[in-house]
Amino acid sequence: MQSAHSVDDQPASKLAASSLVVAWLGLIAFVDRPLVAISLLAIVLSLLARWSTRRFSMAGLHLANFSLILSCAVVSTTSVWWYIDYRSESLPGALRLNFQDLVEQKLNLTEFEGREVTLKGYATPQPQELVSELEVTPDGDLKLKGRSILVELPAGQTWSYDSFPVAITGRLELITDANTRNQSVGIIGQPKYVLRNAIIRRGRTFVDLAPHAPWNGC
């Protein structure tokens, strides 16, 4: 009676080896989270490898299992990390709005006036180091007038310019008195809205954030 083939005699699954390589590459998602897509691809490859090794009696099931576990761990960890960052951008109870929709009047201001809201955008370059008022645009575009919003910090607080996207939480109001605006503000035109008693945090996710326009030197 002929003995059964040992595991060493089984042909190796190239798909299993490939899934492991892609799974290791997926670790780069801890540096740049959008690259978590690599780990999603590794999950698909490892599942296909598991099926092929069983269907065609090939070696490599342990490689496919390891790549599946590793990729699932990366996806789970980065998802939790992303959620924590998303929650940290805004204060509890604040309503998150799409800044670009607001300035393009796709949202009805009367529904949100007087409420605590969070908007994400880019601060315009400031000539001073520390400011108590600043203007923010949804995409950093300085050419289009009237798309900025005025941000007023609480009394006694200042902010230093940061080129990174910002998430700002404050009380949204329509500007009705031009005298309430600091004359040093107004680089890109008269804002229509103001966020009062604002808290500025660095934006950590791309949710509700428009693509950044190139700086035009205005």
Protein backbone atom coordinates (compact mmCIF):
# COMPACT_ATOMS: atom_id res chain seq x y z
CA MET A 1 0.00 0.00 0.00
CA GLN A 2 1.42 3.37 -1.09
CA SER A 3 2.01 5.84 1.72
CA ALA A 4 0.26 9.17 1.70
CA HIS A 5 2.14 12.23 0.53
CA SER A 6 3.80 14.19 3.32
CA VAL A 7 3.33 17.92 3.70
CA ASP A 8 6.85 18.43 2.29
CA ASP A 9 5.73 16.76 -0.94
CA GLN A 10 2.84 19.17 -1.43
CA PRO A 11 3.32 21.99 -3.95
CA ALA A 12 3.67 25.37 -2.28
CA SER A 13 0.93 27.93 -2.73
CA LYS A 14 2.31 31.09 -4.35
CA LEU A 15 -0.92 32.83 -3.40
CA ALA A 16 -0.29 32.12 0.28
CA ALA A 17 3.24 33.51 0.05
CA SER A 18 1.95 36.58 -1.78
CA SER A 19 -0.72 37.20 0.85
CA LEU A 20 1.95 37.14 3.57
CA VAL A 21 4.13 39.66 1.71
CA VAL A 22 1.17 41.99 1.20
CA ALA A 23 0.15 41.57 4.84
CA TRP A 24 3.60 42.71 5.97
CA LEU A 25 3.41 45.68 3.60
CA GLY A 26 0.06 46.54 5.19
CA LEU A 27 1.88 47.51 8.39
CA ILE A 28 2.67 50.82 6.68
CA ALA A 29 -0.91 51.80 7.54
CA PHE A 30 0.41 52.70 10.99
CA VAL A 31 2.41 55.45 9.29
CA ASP A 32 -0.16 56.50 6.67
CA ARG A 33 -3.62 55.23 7.54
CA PRO A 34 -5.21 55.50 4.06
CA LEU A 35 -2.79 52.71 3.10
CA VAL A 36 -4.89 50.36 5.21
CA ALA A 37 -6.26 49.39 1.80
CA ILE A 38 -3.15 47.20 1.48
CA SER A 39 -4.27 45.19 4.50
CA LEU A 40 -7.74 44.85 3.01
CA LEU A 41 -6.14 43.43 -0.12
CA ALA A 42 -4.09 41.05 2.03
CA ILE A 43 -7.28 39.79 3.68
CA VAL A 44 -8.76 38.96 0.27
CA LEU A 45 -5.55 37.24 -0.84
CA SER A 46 -5.27 35.22 2.37
CA LEU A 47 -8.87 34.03 2.09
CA LEU A 48 -8.26 32.96 -1.50
CA ALA A 49 -5.04 31.27 -0.41
CA ARG A 50 -6.84 29.36 2.34
CA TRP A 51 -9.38 28.15 -0.19
CA SER A 52 -6.77 27.16 -2.79
CA THR A 53 -4.54 25.28 -0.34
CA ARG A 54 -7.46 23.18 0.82
CA ARG A 55 -9.02 22.75 -2.61
CA PHE A 56 -5.80 21.67 -4.34
CA SER A 57 -3.96 20.13 -1.34
CA MET A 58 -1.17 22.69 -1.42
CA ALA A 59 1.22 23.76 1.32
CA GLY A 60 0.96 27.24 2.77
CA LEU A 61 -2.20 27.16 4.87
CA HIS A 62 -0.26 28.39 7.91
CA LEU A 63 1.07 31.33 5.87
CA ALA A 64 -2.44 32.23 4.75
CA ASN A 65 -3.73 32.00 8.31
CA PHE A 66 -0.94 34.21 9.63
CA SER A 67 -1.45 36.85 6.94
CA LEU A 68 -5.20 36.84 7.62
CA ILE A 69 -4.69 37.35 11.36
CA LEU A 70 -2.04 40.05 10.82
CA SER A 71 -4.15 41.95 8.29
CA CYS A 72 -7.29 41.80 10.42
CA ALA A 73 -5.29 43.14 13.37
CA VAL A 74 -4.00 46.06 11.28
CA VAL A 75 -7.46 46.93 9.97
CA SER A 76 -9.04 46.70 13.44
CA THR A 77 -6.32 48.74 15.14
CA THR A 78 -6.24 51.52 12.54
CA SER A 79 -10.05 51.69 12.53
CA VAL A 80 -10.15 52.21 16.30
CA TRP A 81 -7.30 54.72 16.01
CA TRP A 82 -9.17 56.61 13.27
CA TYR A 83 -12.38 56.69 15.32
CA ILE A 84 -10.57 58.07 18.36
CA ASP A 85 -8.99 60.81 16.24
CA TYR A 86 -12.35 61.60 14.63
CA ARG A 87 -14.03 61.97 18.00
CA SER A 88 -11.18 64.09 19.38
CA GLU A 89 -11.61 66.71 16.64
CA SER A 90 -14.91 67.96 18.05
CA LEU A 91 -16.34 68.73 21.47
CA PRO A 92 -19.16 66.57 22.87
CA GLY A 93 -22.56 67.86 21.77
CA ALA A 94 -21.22 69.98 18.91
CA LEU A 95 -22.82 69.54 15.51
CA ARG A 96 -20.35 68.68 12.77
CA LEU A 97 -21.02 70.57 9.52
CA ASN A 98 -19.41 70.48 6.11
CA PHE A 99 -17.63 73.84 5.82
CA GLN A 100 -17.70 73.92 2.03
CA ASP A 101 -21.44 73.24 1.94
CA LEU A 102 -21.94 76.08 4.41
CA VAL A 103 -20.04 78.75 2.46
CA GLU A 104 -21.63 77.61 -0.81
CA GLN A 105 -25.04 78.03 0.87
CA LYS A 106 -26.00 74.40 0.46
CA LEU A 107 -26.91 74.44 4.14
CA ASN A 108 -29.56 76.68 5.68
CA LEU A 109 -27.79 78.90 8.20
CA THR A 110 -30.97 79.65 10.14
CA GLU A 111 -31.11 75.99 11.20
CA PHE A 112 -27.68 76.18 12.85
CA GLU A 113 -27.33 79.80 13.98
CA GLY A 114 -26.60 80.02 17.68
CA ARG A 115 -25.60 76.35 17.95
CA GLU A 116 -22.23 74.86 18.81
CA VAL A 117 -20.82 73.49 15.57
CA THR A 118 -17.53 72.04 14.34
CA LEU A 119 -16.08 73.06 10.98
CA LYS A 120 -12.89 71.84 9.34
CA GLY A 121 -10.70 73.88 7.04
CA TYR A 122 -7.44 75.81 6.73
CA ALA A 123 -6.41 79.00 8.50
CA THR A 124 -5.23 81.86 6.30
CA PRO A 125 -1.61 82.92 6.85
CA GLN A 126 -1.36 85.53 9.60
CA PRO A 127 1.20 88.35 9.77
CA GLN A 128 1.27 88.10 13.57
CA GLU A 129 2.66 85.23 15.56
CA LEU A 130 -0.26 85.05 17.97
CA VAL A 131 -3.80 86.15 17.12
CA SER A 132 -7.13 86.23 18.92
CA GLU A 133 -9.07 86.36 15.64
CA LEU A 134 -8.42 84.60 12.36
CA GLU A 135 -10.08 83.62 9.14
CA VAL A 136 -10.51 80.05 7.97
CA THR A 137 -11.46 78.73 4.53
CA PRO A 138 -12.74 75.26 3.65
CA ASP A 139 -9.87 74.51 1.26
CA GLY A 140 -7.24 77.22 1.81
CA ASP A 141 -8.09 78.92 -1.49
CA LEU A 142 -7.32 82.64 -1.14
CA LYS A 143 -8.53 83.63 -4.61
CA LEU A 144 -12.26 83.13 -4.08
CA LYS A 145 -13.69 85.99 -2.03
CA GLY A 146 -16.36 85.64 0.61
CA ARG A 147 -15.71 81.95 1.38
CA SER A 148 -14.01 82.47 4.71
CA ILE A 149 -15.40 82.36 8.20
CA LEU A 150 -14.24 84.51 11.11
CA VAL A 151 -13.05 82.70 14.22
CA GLU A 152 -13.04 84.49 17.58
CA LEU A 153 -11.17 82.89 20.45
CA PRO A 154 -12.33 83.25 24.06
CA ALA A 155 -11.14 86.41 25.83
CA GLY A 156 -7.47 86.26 26.74
CA GLN A 157 -6.64 83.33 24.46
CA THR A 158 -4.41 83.43 21.36
CA TRP A 159 -3.47 81.04 18.59
CA SER A 160 -0.32 80.62 16.52
CA TYR A 161 -0.68 80.00 12.79
CA ASP A 162 -0.58 76.37 11.69
CA SER A 163 -0.60 75.27 8.04
CA PHE A 164 -2.21 71.93 8.94
CA PRO A 165 -5.99 71.52 8.60
CA VAL A 166 -7.87 72.65 11.69
CA ALA A 167 -11.11 71.56 13.33
CA ILE A 168 -12.83 74.49 15.01
CA THR A 169 -15.70 74.26 17.47
CA GLY A 170 -17.65 77.36 18.42
CA ARG A 171 -21.02 79.12 18.40
CA LEU A 172 -22.04 79.85 14.80
CA GLU A 173 -23.50 83.30 14.17
CA LEU A 174 -24.21 85.53 11.21
CA ILE A 175 -22.05 88.66 11.19
CA THR A 176 -24.32 91.71 11.31
CA ASP A 177 -21.96 94.32 12.76
CA ALA A 178 -18.76 95.06 10.85
CA ASN A 179 -17.35 96.79 13.91
CA THR A 180 -17.07 93.47 15.68
CA ARG A 181 -14.29 92.45 13.28
CA ASN A 182 -10.65 93.21 13.87
CA GLN A 183 -9.28 95.36 11.04
CA SER A 184 -6.23 93.11 10.72
CA VAL A 185 -8.55 90.29 9.69
CA GLY A 186 -10.04 90.27 6.22
CA ILE A 187 -7.29 88.96 3.97
CA ILE A 188 -9.69 87.25 1.59
CA GLY A 189 -12.85 89.30 1.88
CA GLN A 190 -15.62 89.95 4.36
CA PRO A 191 -16.71 86.74 6.13
CA LYS A 192 -20.46 86.24 6.50
CA TYR A 193 -20.26 83.99 9.55
CA VAL A 194 -18.36 83.89 12.82
CA LEU A 195 -17.54 81.13 15.27
CA ARG A 196 -17.45 82.69 18.73
CA ASN A 197 -15.60 81.37 21.79
CA ALA A 198 -13.92 78.94 19.44
CA ILE A 199 -11.66 76.03 20.31
CA ILE A 200 -9.13 75.15 17.63
CA ARG A 201 -7.77 71.65 17.24
CA ARG A 202 -5.64 70.11 14.53
CA GLY A 203 -7.68 68.10 12.04
CA ARG A 204 -6.77 64.43 12.22
CA THR A 205 -9.12 62.88 9.64
CA PHE A 206 -10.32 63.77 6.16
CA VAL A 207 -14.01 63.64 7.08
CA ASP A 208 -15.76 66.90 6.05
CA LEU A 209 -12.44 68.33 4.86
CA ALA A 210 -12.16 69.71 1.32
CA PRO A 211 -8.99 69.00 -0.69
CA HIS A 212 -6.36 71.62 0.01
CA ALA A 213 -5.97 74.22 -2.73
CA PRO A 214 -2.42 75.31 -3.62
CA TRP A 215 -1.33 78.53 -1.94
CA ASN A 216 -1.54 81.38 -4.44
CA GLY A 217 0.41 84.03 -2.61
CA CYS A 218 -2.46 86.47 -2.06
